[in-house]
Amino acid sequence: MSLWMTDVQPTELRDRQPDQDFDIIIRTAYKQVLGNAYLLECDRLETAESLFRNGDLTVRGFVRAIGQSELYRSLFFDNSSQYRFIEMNCKHFLGRAPLDQAEVSEHVQRYNNLGYEAEIDSYIDSDEYTNAFGENTVPCPRTESNQRTLLNIGFNRTYALYRGYASSDTTTNKAKLISDLAANKPTAIIFPKGRGGGTPGVNNKRFCIKATKASIGSLNRFSNQTYNVDYDQLNAKIKSLHRMGAKITSITEI
C-alpha cells in the first residue's frame, strides 16, 4: 500500500498529430480540475473542447476554461468557504496544498479586490504553474518522481488533501487545513481506517520512508536515505526527518 503517489505520470500533449487521442487529455483535465466530480454530458465544455482539439487552446488554456466555468464555480466556490475554495484551487491547479497562512491571505485579498476570474488566473498564470506544467501538461499531484519544486513543508498538507485520491472533492465544503495554517503548525499524517473504525493489524505493519537531505557543507549535493520503521515509530520518524531538514519523497508499506 502506497501512502503517497510516487508513480503519478503527468499527462502531456507532446505533438499534435491527426491520430492523437485528445480524449485522454480532456478526461484527465476534467478529473484533475474538477476533483473527481461526476461529470454529466450536459456539463462538458463543448466549445472549449473543440478549440483544444483544433489547436486554438493549449492544455493550459483548456484548464483555464474549466476553472473559469460556471460548473467549477458552482462546485467549489458558491457553497464553500473561502479557505476551502483556496485549498481546492491550490490542489486542482498547482497539484499541492497551500503552504502557509500568508499564501491563503494573499488569495483571499486578491479575490476580494479583483474578483473570481483574477483569483483563478493567479494560479494558472503563475511562475510556479509554468515551471511545473508549462503550456501542455495537465496539472497533477506534485511528487518527488514528477516534480522537484514542492517544498518539504507541503508534503503532509498535500497528502491530507490527496488522501482518498479516487474520491470526489465535492464530498465536503469544509477546509481541511485552516487550523494548521493559521497556527503555523505541521499537519499530521492520518492513515486510512477500516470500516470498523480501526486499521486491521496496523501495529504489525512496517513502512519504508525515502528521503533526500543536503550534504553537510554543500548547497547542491543531496544524499538519498531510506528508513524502515514500525507503524508506531512512523510519525516520530517523519517529525525527526523534518527537523533535520530532510525532504520526504515517499512512504510505502513493506
C-alpha atoms as a PDB file:
ATOM      1  CA  MET A   1       0.000   0.000   0.000  1.00  0.00           C
ATOM      2  CA  SER A   2       1.484   3.339  -1.036  1.00  0.00           C
ATOM      3  CA  LEU A   3       0.787   6.263   1.272  1.00  0.00           C
ATOM      4  CA  TRP A   4       1.999   8.772  -1.270  1.00  0.00           C
ATOM      5  CA  MET A   5       1.512   8.813  -5.015  1.00  0.00           C
ATOM      6  CA  THR A   6       5.082   8.156  -6.131  1.00  0.00           C
ATOM      7  CA  ASP A   7       4.072   6.815  -9.548  1.00  0.00           C
ATOM      8  CA  VAL A   8       1.995   9.705 -10.924  1.00  0.00           C
ATOM      9  CA  GLN A   9       2.876  10.219 -14.571  1.00  0.00           C
ATOM     10  CA  PRO A  10       1.931  13.665 -15.929  1.00  0.00           C
ATOM     11  CA  THR A  11      -0.345  13.684 -18.963  1.00  0.00           C
ATOM     12  CA  GLU A  12       1.272  15.799 -21.657  1.00  0.00           C
ATOM     13  CA  LEU A  13       0.347  16.890 -25.170  1.00  0.00           C
ATOM     14  CA  ARG A  14       3.661  16.308 -26.936  1.00  0.00           C
ATOM     15  CA  ASP A  15       2.882  16.749 -30.622  1.00  0.00           C
ATOM     16  CA  ARG A  16      -0.354  17.495 -32.387  1.00  0.00           C
ATOM     17  CA  GLN A  17      -0.953  14.634 -34.799  1.00  0.00           C
ATOM     18  CA  PRO A  18      -4.162  13.596 -36.597  1.00  0.00           C
ATOM     19  CA  ASP A  19      -4.425  10.301 -34.708  1.00  0.00           C
ATOM     20  CA  GLN A  20      -3.610  11.728 -31.264  1.00  0.00           C
ATOM     21  CA  ASP A  21      -6.106  10.713 -28.571  1.00  0.00           C
ATOM     22  CA  PHE A  22      -7.189  14.112 -27.311  1.00  0.00           C
ATOM     23  CA  ASP A  23      -9.931  12.420 -25.271  1.00  0.00           C
ATOM     24  CA  ILE A  24      -7.332  11.178 -22.775  1.00  0.00           C
ATOM     25  CA  ILE A  25      -6.040  14.690 -22.152  1.00  0.00           C
ATOM     26  CA  ILE A  26      -9.556  16.123 -21.921  1.00  0.00           C
ATOM     27  CA  ARG A  27     -10.688  13.441 -19.446  1.00  0.00           C
ATOM     28  CA  THR A  28      -7.547  13.883 -17.338  1.00  0.00           C
ATOM     29  CA  ALA A  29      -8.005  17.655 -17.231  1.00  0.00           C
ATOM     30  CA  TYR A  30     -11.646  17.331 -16.138  1.00  0.00           C
ATOM     31  CA  LYS A  31     -10.698  14.794 -13.465  1.00  0.00           C
ATOM     32  CA  GLN A  32      -7.881  16.928 -12.044  1.00  0.00           C
ATOM     33  CA  VAL A  33      -9.540  20.344 -12.160  1.00  0.00           C
ATOM     34  CA  LEU A  34     -12.971  19.122 -11.042  1.00  0.00           C
ATOM     35  CA  GLY A  35     -11.503  16.955  -8.291  1.00  0.00           C
ATOM     36  CA  ASN A  36     -13.033  13.656  -9.487  1.00  0.00           C
ATOM     37  CA  ALA A  37     -16.507  15.174  -9.544  1.00  0.00           C
ATOM     38  CA  TYR A  38     -19.025  13.205 -11.622  1.00  0.00           C
ATOM     39  CA  LEU A  39     -19.383  14.965 -14.976  1.00  0.00           C
ATOM     40  CA  LEU A  40     -22.709  14.905 -16.774  1.00  0.00           C
ATOM     41  CA  GLU A  41     -22.700  15.069 -20.559  1.00  0.00           C
ATOM     42  CA  CYS A  42     -24.537  18.394 -20.396  1.00  0.00           C
ATOM     43  CA  ASP A  43     -21.779  19.805 -18.160  1.00  0.00           C
ATOM     44  CA  ARG A  44     -18.995  19.300 -20.717  1.00  0.00           C
ATOM     45  CA  LEU A  45     -17.431  22.455 -22.122  1.00  0.00           C
ATOM     46  CA  GLU A  46     -18.062  21.665 -25.774  1.00  0.00           C
ATOM     47  CA  THR A  47     -16.722  24.940 -27.162  1.00  0.00           C
ATOM     48  CA  ALA A  48     -13.500  24.732 -25.143  1.00  0.00           C
ATOM     49  CA  GLU A  49     -13.055  21.055 -26.082  1.00  0.00           C
ATOM     50  CA  SER A  50     -13.465  21.924 -29.768  1.00  0.00           C
ATOM     51  CA  LEU A  51     -10.962  24.795 -29.547  1.00  0.00           C
ATOM     52  CA  PHE A  52      -8.487  22.482 -27.843  1.00  0.00           C
ATOM     53  CA  ARG A  53      -8.875  19.736 -30.445  1.00  0.00           C
ATOM     54  CA  ASN A  54      -8.401  22.285 -33.238  1.00  0.00           C
ATOM     55  CA  GLY A  55      -5.225  23.681 -31.699  1.00  0.00           C
ATOM     56  CA  ASP A  56      -6.735  27.035 -30.712  1.00  0.00           C
ATOM     57  CA  LEU A  57      -6.292  26.273 -26.985  1.00  0.00           C
ATOM     58  CA  THR A  58      -3.265  24.803 -25.240  1.00  0.00           C
ATOM     59  CA  VAL A  59      -3.684  22.411 -22.322  1.00  0.00           C
ATOM     60  CA  ARG A  60      -3.203  25.409 -20.027  1.00  0.00           C
ATOM     61  CA  GLY A  61      -5.945  27.246 -21.900  1.00  0.00           C
ATOM     62  CA  PHE A  62      -8.307  24.296 -21.526  1.00  0.00           C
ATOM     63  CA  VAL A  63      -7.511  24.045 -17.795  1.00  0.00           C
ATOM     64  CA  ARG A  64      -8.278  27.763 -17.505  1.00  0.00           C
ATOM     65  CA  ALA A  65     -11.600  27.301 -19.298  1.00  0.00           C
ATOM     66  CA  ILE A  66     -12.627  24.624 -16.777  1.00  0.00           C
ATOM     67  CA  GLY A  67     -11.571  26.790 -13.830  1.00  0.00           C
ATOM     68  CA  GLN A  68     -13.440  29.820 -15.164  1.00  0.00           C
ATOM     69  CA  SER A  69     -16.591  27.794 -15.923  1.00  0.00           C
ATOM     70  CA  GLU A  70     -19.873  28.073 -14.055  1.00  0.00           C
ATOM     71  CA  LEU A  71     -19.519  24.371 -13.252  1.00  0.00           C
ATOM     72  CA  TYR A  72     -16.253  24.853 -11.342  1.00  0.00           C
ATOM     73  CA  ARG A  73     -17.677  27.899  -9.609  1.00  0.00           C
ATOM     74  CA  SER A  74     -20.801  26.006  -8.536  1.00  0.00           C
ATOM     75  CA  LEU A  75     -18.789  23.045  -7.226  1.00  0.00           C
ATOM     76  CA  PHE A  76     -16.022  24.812  -5.304  1.00  0.00           C
ATOM     77  CA  PHE A  77     -16.991  28.432  -4.732  1.00  0.00           C
ATOM     78  CA  ASP A  78     -20.727  29.014  -4.348  1.00  0.00           C
ATOM     79  CA  ASN A  79     -21.226  26.606  -1.422  1.00  0.00           C
ATOM     80  CA  SER A  80     -17.728  26.601   0.117  1.00  0.00           C
ATOM     81  CA  SER A  81     -15.826  28.825   2.484  1.00  0.00           C
ATOM     82  CA  GLN A  82     -13.045  30.984   1.036  1.00  0.00           C
ATOM     83  CA  TYR A  83     -10.482  28.769   2.766  1.00  0.00           C
ATOM     84  CA  ARG A  84     -11.883  25.626   1.158  1.00  0.00           C
ATOM     85  CA  PHE A  85     -12.045  27.358  -2.223  1.00  0.00           C
ATOM     86  CA  ILE A  86      -8.358  28.288  -1.992  1.00  0.00           C
ATOM     87  CA  GLU A  87      -7.379  24.798  -0.793  1.00  0.00           C
ATOM     88  CA  MET A  88      -9.088  23.308  -3.819  1.00  0.00           C
ATOM     89  CA  ASN A  89      -7.589  25.860  -6.214  1.00  0.00           C
ATOM     90  CA  CYS A  90      -4.078  25.015  -4.980  1.00  0.00           C
ATOM     91  CA  LYS A  91      -4.803  21.307  -5.311  1.00  0.00           C
ATOM     92  CA  HIS A  92      -6.508  21.467  -8.714  1.00  0.00           C
ATOM     93  CA  PHE A  93      -4.215  23.971 -10.464  1.00  0.00           C
ATOM     94  CA  LEU A  94      -0.845  23.589  -8.672  1.00  0.00           C
ATOM     95  CA  GLY A  95      -1.055  19.954  -7.514  1.00  0.00           C
ATOM     96  CA  ARG A  96      -0.344  20.802  -3.868  1.00  0.00           C
ATOM     97  CA  ALA A  97      -1.810  22.192  -0.668  1.00  0.00           C
ATOM     98  CA  PRO A  98      -1.483  25.841   0.453  1.00  0.00           C
ATOM     99  CA  LEU A  99       1.937  26.275   2.039  1.00  0.00           C
ATOM    100  CA  ASP A 100       1.100  28.762   4.771  1.00  0.00           C
ATOM    101  CA  GLN A 101      -1.372  31.320   6.085  1.00  0.00           C
ATOM    102  CA  ALA A 102       0.331  34.119   4.143  1.00  0.00           C
ATOM    103  CA  GLU A 103      -0.419  32.370   0.849  1.00  0.00           C
ATOM    104  CA  VAL A 104      -4.063  31.883   1.813  1.00  0.00           C
ATOM    105  CA  SER A 105      -4.389  35.533   2.898  1.00  0.00           C
ATOM    106  CA  GLU A 106      -2.901  36.707  -0.393  1.00  0.00           C
ATOM    107  CA  HIS A 107      -5.535  34.786  -2.344  1.00  0.00           C
ATOM    108  CA  VAL A 108      -8.361  35.999  -0.101  1.00  0.00           C
ATOM    109  CA  GLN A 109      -7.303  39.598  -0.705  1.00  0.00           C
ATOM    110  CA  ARG A 110      -6.990  39.027  -4.432  1.00  0.00           C
ATOM    111  CA  TYR A 111     -10.492  37.614  -4.683  1.00  0.00           C
ATOM    112  CA  ASN A 112     -11.974  40.399  -2.542  1.00  0.00           C
ATOM    113  CA  ASN A 113     -10.218  43.118  -4.557  1.00  0.00           C
ATOM    114  CA  LEU A 114     -10.196  41.719  -8.088  1.00  0.00           C
ATOM    115  CA  GLY A 115     -12.863  39.009  -8.210  1.00  0.00           C
ATOM    116  CA  TYR A 116     -13.278  35.356  -9.122  1.00  0.00           C
ATOM    117  CA  GLU A 117     -11.627  35.352 -12.550  1.00  0.00           C
ATOM    118  CA  ALA A 118      -8.470  37.063 -11.267  1.00  0.00           C
ATOM    119  CA  GLU A 119      -8.232  34.533  -8.434  1.00  0.00           C
ATOM    120  CA  ILE A 120      -8.368  31.570 -10.847  1.00  0.00           C
ATOM    121  CA  ASP A 121      -5.927  33.210 -13.264  1.00  0.00           C
ATOM    122  CA  SER A 122      -3.416  33.864 -10.468  1.00  0.00           C
ATOM    123  CA  TYR A 123      -2.678  30.134 -10.218  1.00  0.00           C
ATOM    124  CA  ILE A 124      -2.626  29.355 -13.924  1.00  0.00           C
ATOM    125  CA  ASP A 125      -0.541  32.412 -14.853  1.00  0.00           C
ATOM    126  CA  SER A 126       1.947  31.932 -12.000  1.00  0.00           C
ATOM    127  CA  ASP A 127       5.626  31.154 -12.490  1.00  0.00           C
ATOM    128  CA  GLU A 128       5.067  28.055 -10.362  1.00  0.00           C
ATOM    129  CA  TYR A 129       2.462  26.691 -12.782  1.00  0.00           C
ATOM    130  CA  THR A 130       4.720  27.489 -15.742  1.00  0.00           C
ATOM    131  CA  ASN A 131       7.737  25.764 -14.183  1.00  0.00           C
ATOM    132  CA  ALA A 132       5.739  22.719 -13.080  1.00  0.00           C
ATOM    133  CA  PHE A 133       3.395  22.147 -16.031  1.00  0.00           C
ATOM    134  CA  GLY A 134       4.079  24.625 -18.830  1.00  0.00           C
ATOM    135  CA  GLU A 135       1.604  25.008 -21.669  1.00  0.00           C
ATOM    136  CA  ASN A 136       0.889  21.390 -22.494  1.00  0.00           C
ATOM    137  CA  THR A 137       0.906  19.287 -19.316  1.00  0.00           C
ATOM    138  CA  VAL A 138      -2.223  18.657 -17.269  1.00  0.00           C
ATOM    139  CA  PRO A 139      -1.727  19.647 -13.593  1.00  0.00           C
ATOM    140  CA  CYS A 140      -1.261  16.634 -11.324  1.00  0.00           C
ATOM    141  CA  PRO A 141      -0.187  15.798  -7.757  1.00  0.00           C
ATOM    142  CA  ARG A 142       3.329  17.093  -7.181  1.00  0.00           C
ATOM    143  CA  THR A 143       5.563  14.225  -6.076  1.00  0.00           C
ATOM    144  CA  GLU A 144       9.301  13.648  -5.999  1.00  0.00           C
ATOM    145  CA  SER A 145       9.054  11.411  -9.052  1.00  0.00           C
ATOM    146  CA  ASN A 146       7.451  14.011 -11.313  1.00  0.00           C
ATOM    147  CA  GLN A 147       8.387  17.400  -9.802  1.00  0.00           C
ATOM    148  CA  ARG A 148      11.196  18.656  -7.599  1.00  0.00           C
ATOM    149  CA  THR A 149       9.682  22.043  -6.845  1.00  0.00           C
ATOM    150  CA  LEU A 150       7.414  21.065  -3.945  1.00  0.00           C
ATOM    151  CA  LEU A 151       8.701  22.383  -0.630  1.00  0.00           C
ATOM    152  CA  ASN A 152       9.097  19.904   2.234  1.00  0.00           C
ATOM    153  CA  ILE A 153       6.573  21.766   4.400  1.00  0.00           C
ATOM    154  CA  GLY A 154       3.888  20.911   1.890  1.00  0.00           C
ATOM    155  CA  PHE A 155       4.315  17.119   1.994  1.00  0.00           C
ATOM    156  CA  ASN A 156       1.919  16.314   4.830  1.00  0.00           C
ATOM    157  CA  ARG A 157      -0.535  19.055   3.844  1.00  0.00           C
ATOM    158  CA  THR A 158      -0.663  17.899   0.263  1.00  0.00           C
ATOM    159  CA  TYR A 159      -1.096  14.295   1.424  1.00  0.00           C
ATOM    160  CA  ALA A 160      -4.044  15.422   3.577  1.00  0.00           C
ATOM    161  CA  LEU A 161      -5.768  16.900   0.517  1.00  0.00           C
ATOM    162  CA  TYR A 162      -4.998  13.937  -1.755  1.00  0.00           C
ATOM    163  CA  ARG A 163      -5.784  11.197   0.763  1.00  0.00           C
ATOM    164  CA  GLY A 164      -8.519   9.086  -0.809  1.00  0.00           C
ATOM    165  CA  TYR A 165      -7.331  10.177  -4.257  1.00  0.00           C
ATOM    166  CA  ALA A 166     -10.189   8.394  -6.030  1.00  0.00           C
ATOM    167  CA  SER A 167     -12.885  10.155  -4.011  1.00  0.00           C
ATOM    168  CA  SER A 168     -14.567  13.362  -5.107  1.00  0.00           C
ATOM    169  CA  ASP A 169     -13.560  16.769  -3.761  1.00  0.00           C
ATOM    170  CA  THR A 170     -17.245  17.675  -3.694  1.00  0.00           C
ATOM    171  CA  THR A 171     -17.986  15.413  -0.712  1.00  0.00           C
ATOM    172  CA  THR A 172     -17.277  18.265   1.715  1.00  0.00           C
ATOM    173  CA  ASN A 173     -17.246  22.065   1.585  1.00  0.00           C
ATOM    174  CA  LYS A 174     -15.153  22.479   4.738  1.00  0.00           C
ATOM    175  CA  ALA A 175     -11.485  23.478   4.726  1.00  0.00           C
ATOM    176  CA  LYS A 176      -9.157  20.735   5.978  1.00  0.00           C
ATOM    177  CA  LEU A 177      -6.046  22.768   6.754  1.00  0.00           C
ATOM    178  CA  ILE A 178      -7.389  26.018   8.211  1.00  0.00           C
ATOM    179  CA  SER A 179      -6.300  25.309  11.807  1.00  0.00           C
ATOM    180  CA  ASP A 180      -2.805  24.085  10.904  1.00  0.00           C
ATOM    181  CA  LEU A 181      -2.174  27.001   8.560  1.00  0.00           C
ATOM    182  CA  ALA A 182      -3.467  29.609  10.991  1.00  0.00           C
ATOM    183  CA  ALA A 183      -1.327  28.211  13.825  1.00  0.00           C
ATOM    184  CA  ASN A 184       1.680  27.599  11.531  1.00  0.00           C
ATOM    185  CA  LYS A 185       1.956  24.028  12.775  1.00  0.00           C
ATOM    186  CA  PRO A 186       2.785  20.866  10.810  1.00  0.00           C
ATOM    187  CA  THR A 187      -0.069  18.733   9.531  1.00  0.00           C
ATOM    188  CA  ALA A 188      -0.142  15.214  10.954  1.00  0.00           C
ATOM    189  CA  ILE A 189      -0.475  12.260   8.598  1.00  0.00           C
ATOM    190  CA  ILE A 190      -3.690  10.384   9.391  1.00  0.00           C
ATOM    191  CA  PHE A 191      -3.764   6.919   7.927  1.00  0.00           C
ATOM    192  CA  PRO A 192      -6.895   5.400   6.351  1.00  0.00           C
ATOM    193  CA  LYS A 193      -9.121   3.456   8.725  1.00  0.00           C
ATOM    194  CA  GLY A 194     -11.041   0.258   8.155  1.00  0.00           C
ATOM    195  CA  ARG A 195     -14.819   0.047   8.152  1.00  0.00           C
ATOM    196  CA  GLY A 196     -14.925  -0.761  11.812  1.00  0.00           C
ATOM    197  CA  GLY A 197     -13.116   2.436  12.740  1.00  0.00           C
ATOM    198  CA  GLY A 198      -9.673   0.873  13.182  1.00  0.00           C
ATOM    199  CA  THR A 199      -6.878  -0.222  10.913  1.00  0.00           C
ATOM    200  CA  PRO A 200      -6.762  -4.040  10.997  1.00  0.00           C
ATOM    201  CA  GLY A 201      -3.374  -5.353  12.017  1.00  0.00           C
ATOM    202  CA  VAL A 202      -1.771  -1.945  11.650  1.00  0.00           C
ATOM    203  CA  ASN A 203       0.531  -2.440  14.649  1.00  0.00           C
ATOM    204  CA  ASN A 204       2.243  -5.306  12.816  1.00  0.00           C
ATOM    205  CA  LYS A 205       2.982  -3.271   9.694  1.00  0.00           C
ATOM    206  CA  ARG A 206       6.272  -1.718   8.657  1.00  0.00           C
ATOM    207  CA  PHE A 207       6.869   1.220   6.371  1.00  0.00           C
ATOM    208  CA  CYS A 208       9.702   2.379   4.146  1.00  0.00           C
ATOM    209  CA  ILE A 209      10.433   6.114   4.231  1.00  0.00           C
ATOM    210  CA  LYS A 210      12.561   7.540   1.426  1.00  0.00           C
ATOM    211  CA  ALA A 211      14.049  10.996   1.849  1.00  0.00           C
ATOM    212  CA  THR A 212      16.722  13.300   0.494  1.00  0.00           C
ATOM    213  CA  LYS A 213      18.965  15.552   2.560  1.00  0.00           C
ATOM    214  CA  ALA A 214      21.555  18.152   1.601  1.00  0.00           C
ATOM    215  CA  SER A 215      25.097  17.029   2.344  1.00  0.00           C
ATOM    216  CA  ILE A 216      26.921  18.912   5.080  1.00  0.00           C
ATOM    217  CA  GLY A 217      28.821  21.882   3.685  1.00  0.00           C
ATOM    218  CA  SER A 218      27.123  21.718   0.299  1.00  0.00           C
ATOM    219  CA  LEU A 219      24.106  23.518  -1.095  1.00  0.00           C
ATOM    220  CA  ASN A 220      23.920  21.446  -4.266  1.00  0.00           C
ATOM    221  CA  ARG A 221      24.706  17.852  -3.274  1.00  0.00           C
ATOM    222  CA  PHE A 222      21.925  15.672  -1.912  1.00  0.00           C
ATOM    223  CA  SER A 223      22.032  12.190  -0.420  1.00  0.00           C
ATOM    224  CA  ASN A 224      19.249   9.649  -0.713  1.00  0.00           C
ATOM    225  CA  GLN A 225      18.210   7.988   2.533  1.00  0.00           C
ATOM    226  CA  THR A 226      15.902   5.041   3.261  1.00  0.00           C
ATOM    227  CA  TYR A 227      14.415   4.149   6.673  1.00  0.00           C
ATOM    228  CA  ASN A 228      12.326   1.073   7.558  1.00  0.00           C
ATOM    229  CA  VAL A 229      10.214   1.636  10.669  1.00  0.00           C
ATOM    230  CA  ASP A 230       7.318   0.036  12.513  1.00  0.00           C
ATOM    231  CA  TYR A 231       3.924   1.719  12.396  1.00  0.00           C
ATOM    232  CA  ASP A 232       4.189   3.051  15.942  1.00  0.00           C
ATOM    233  CA  GLN A 233       7.507   4.746  15.055  1.00  0.00           C
ATOM    234  CA  LEU A 234       6.268   6.281  11.813  1.00  0.00           C
ATOM    235  CA  ASN A 235       5.041   9.710  12.907  1.00  0.00           C
ATOM    236  CA  ALA A 236       8.035  10.226  15.204  1.00  0.00           C
ATOM    237  CA  LYS A 237      10.424   9.422  12.344  1.00  0.00           C
ATOM    238  CA  ILE A 238       8.613  11.797   9.983  1.00  0.00           C
ATOM    239  CA  LYS A 239       8.908  14.625  12.526  1.00  0.00           C
ATOM    240  CA  SER A 240      12.577  13.810  13.082  1.00  0.00           C
ATOM    241  CA  LEU A 241      13.321  13.984   9.350  1.00  0.00           C
ATOM    242  CA  HIS A 242      11.532  17.320   9.075  1.00  0.00           C
ATOM    243  CA  ARG A 243      13.626  18.713  11.935  1.00  0.00           C
ATOM    244  CA  MET A 244      16.786  17.507  10.179  1.00  0.00           C
ATOM    245  CA  GLY A 245      15.790  19.389   7.040  1.00  0.00           C
ATOM    246  CA  ALA A 246      15.285  16.234   5.004  1.00  0.00           C
ATOM    247  CA  LYS A 247      12.705  16.118   2.223  1.00  0.00           C
ATOM    248  CA  ILE A 248      10.428  13.070   2.303  1.00  0.00           C
ATOM    249  CA  THR A 249       9.847  11.629  -1.160  1.00  0.00           C
ATOM    250  CA  SER A 250       7.673   8.597  -0.391  1.00  0.00           C
ATOM    251  CA  ILE A 251       6.187   6.445   2.379  1.00  0.00           C
ATOM    252  CA  THR A 252       5.307   2.889   1.403  1.00  0.00           C
ATOM    253  CA  GLU A 253       4.091  -0.139   3.345  1.00  0.00           C
ATOM    254  CA  ILE A 254       6.560  -3.050   3.171  1.00  0.00           C
END
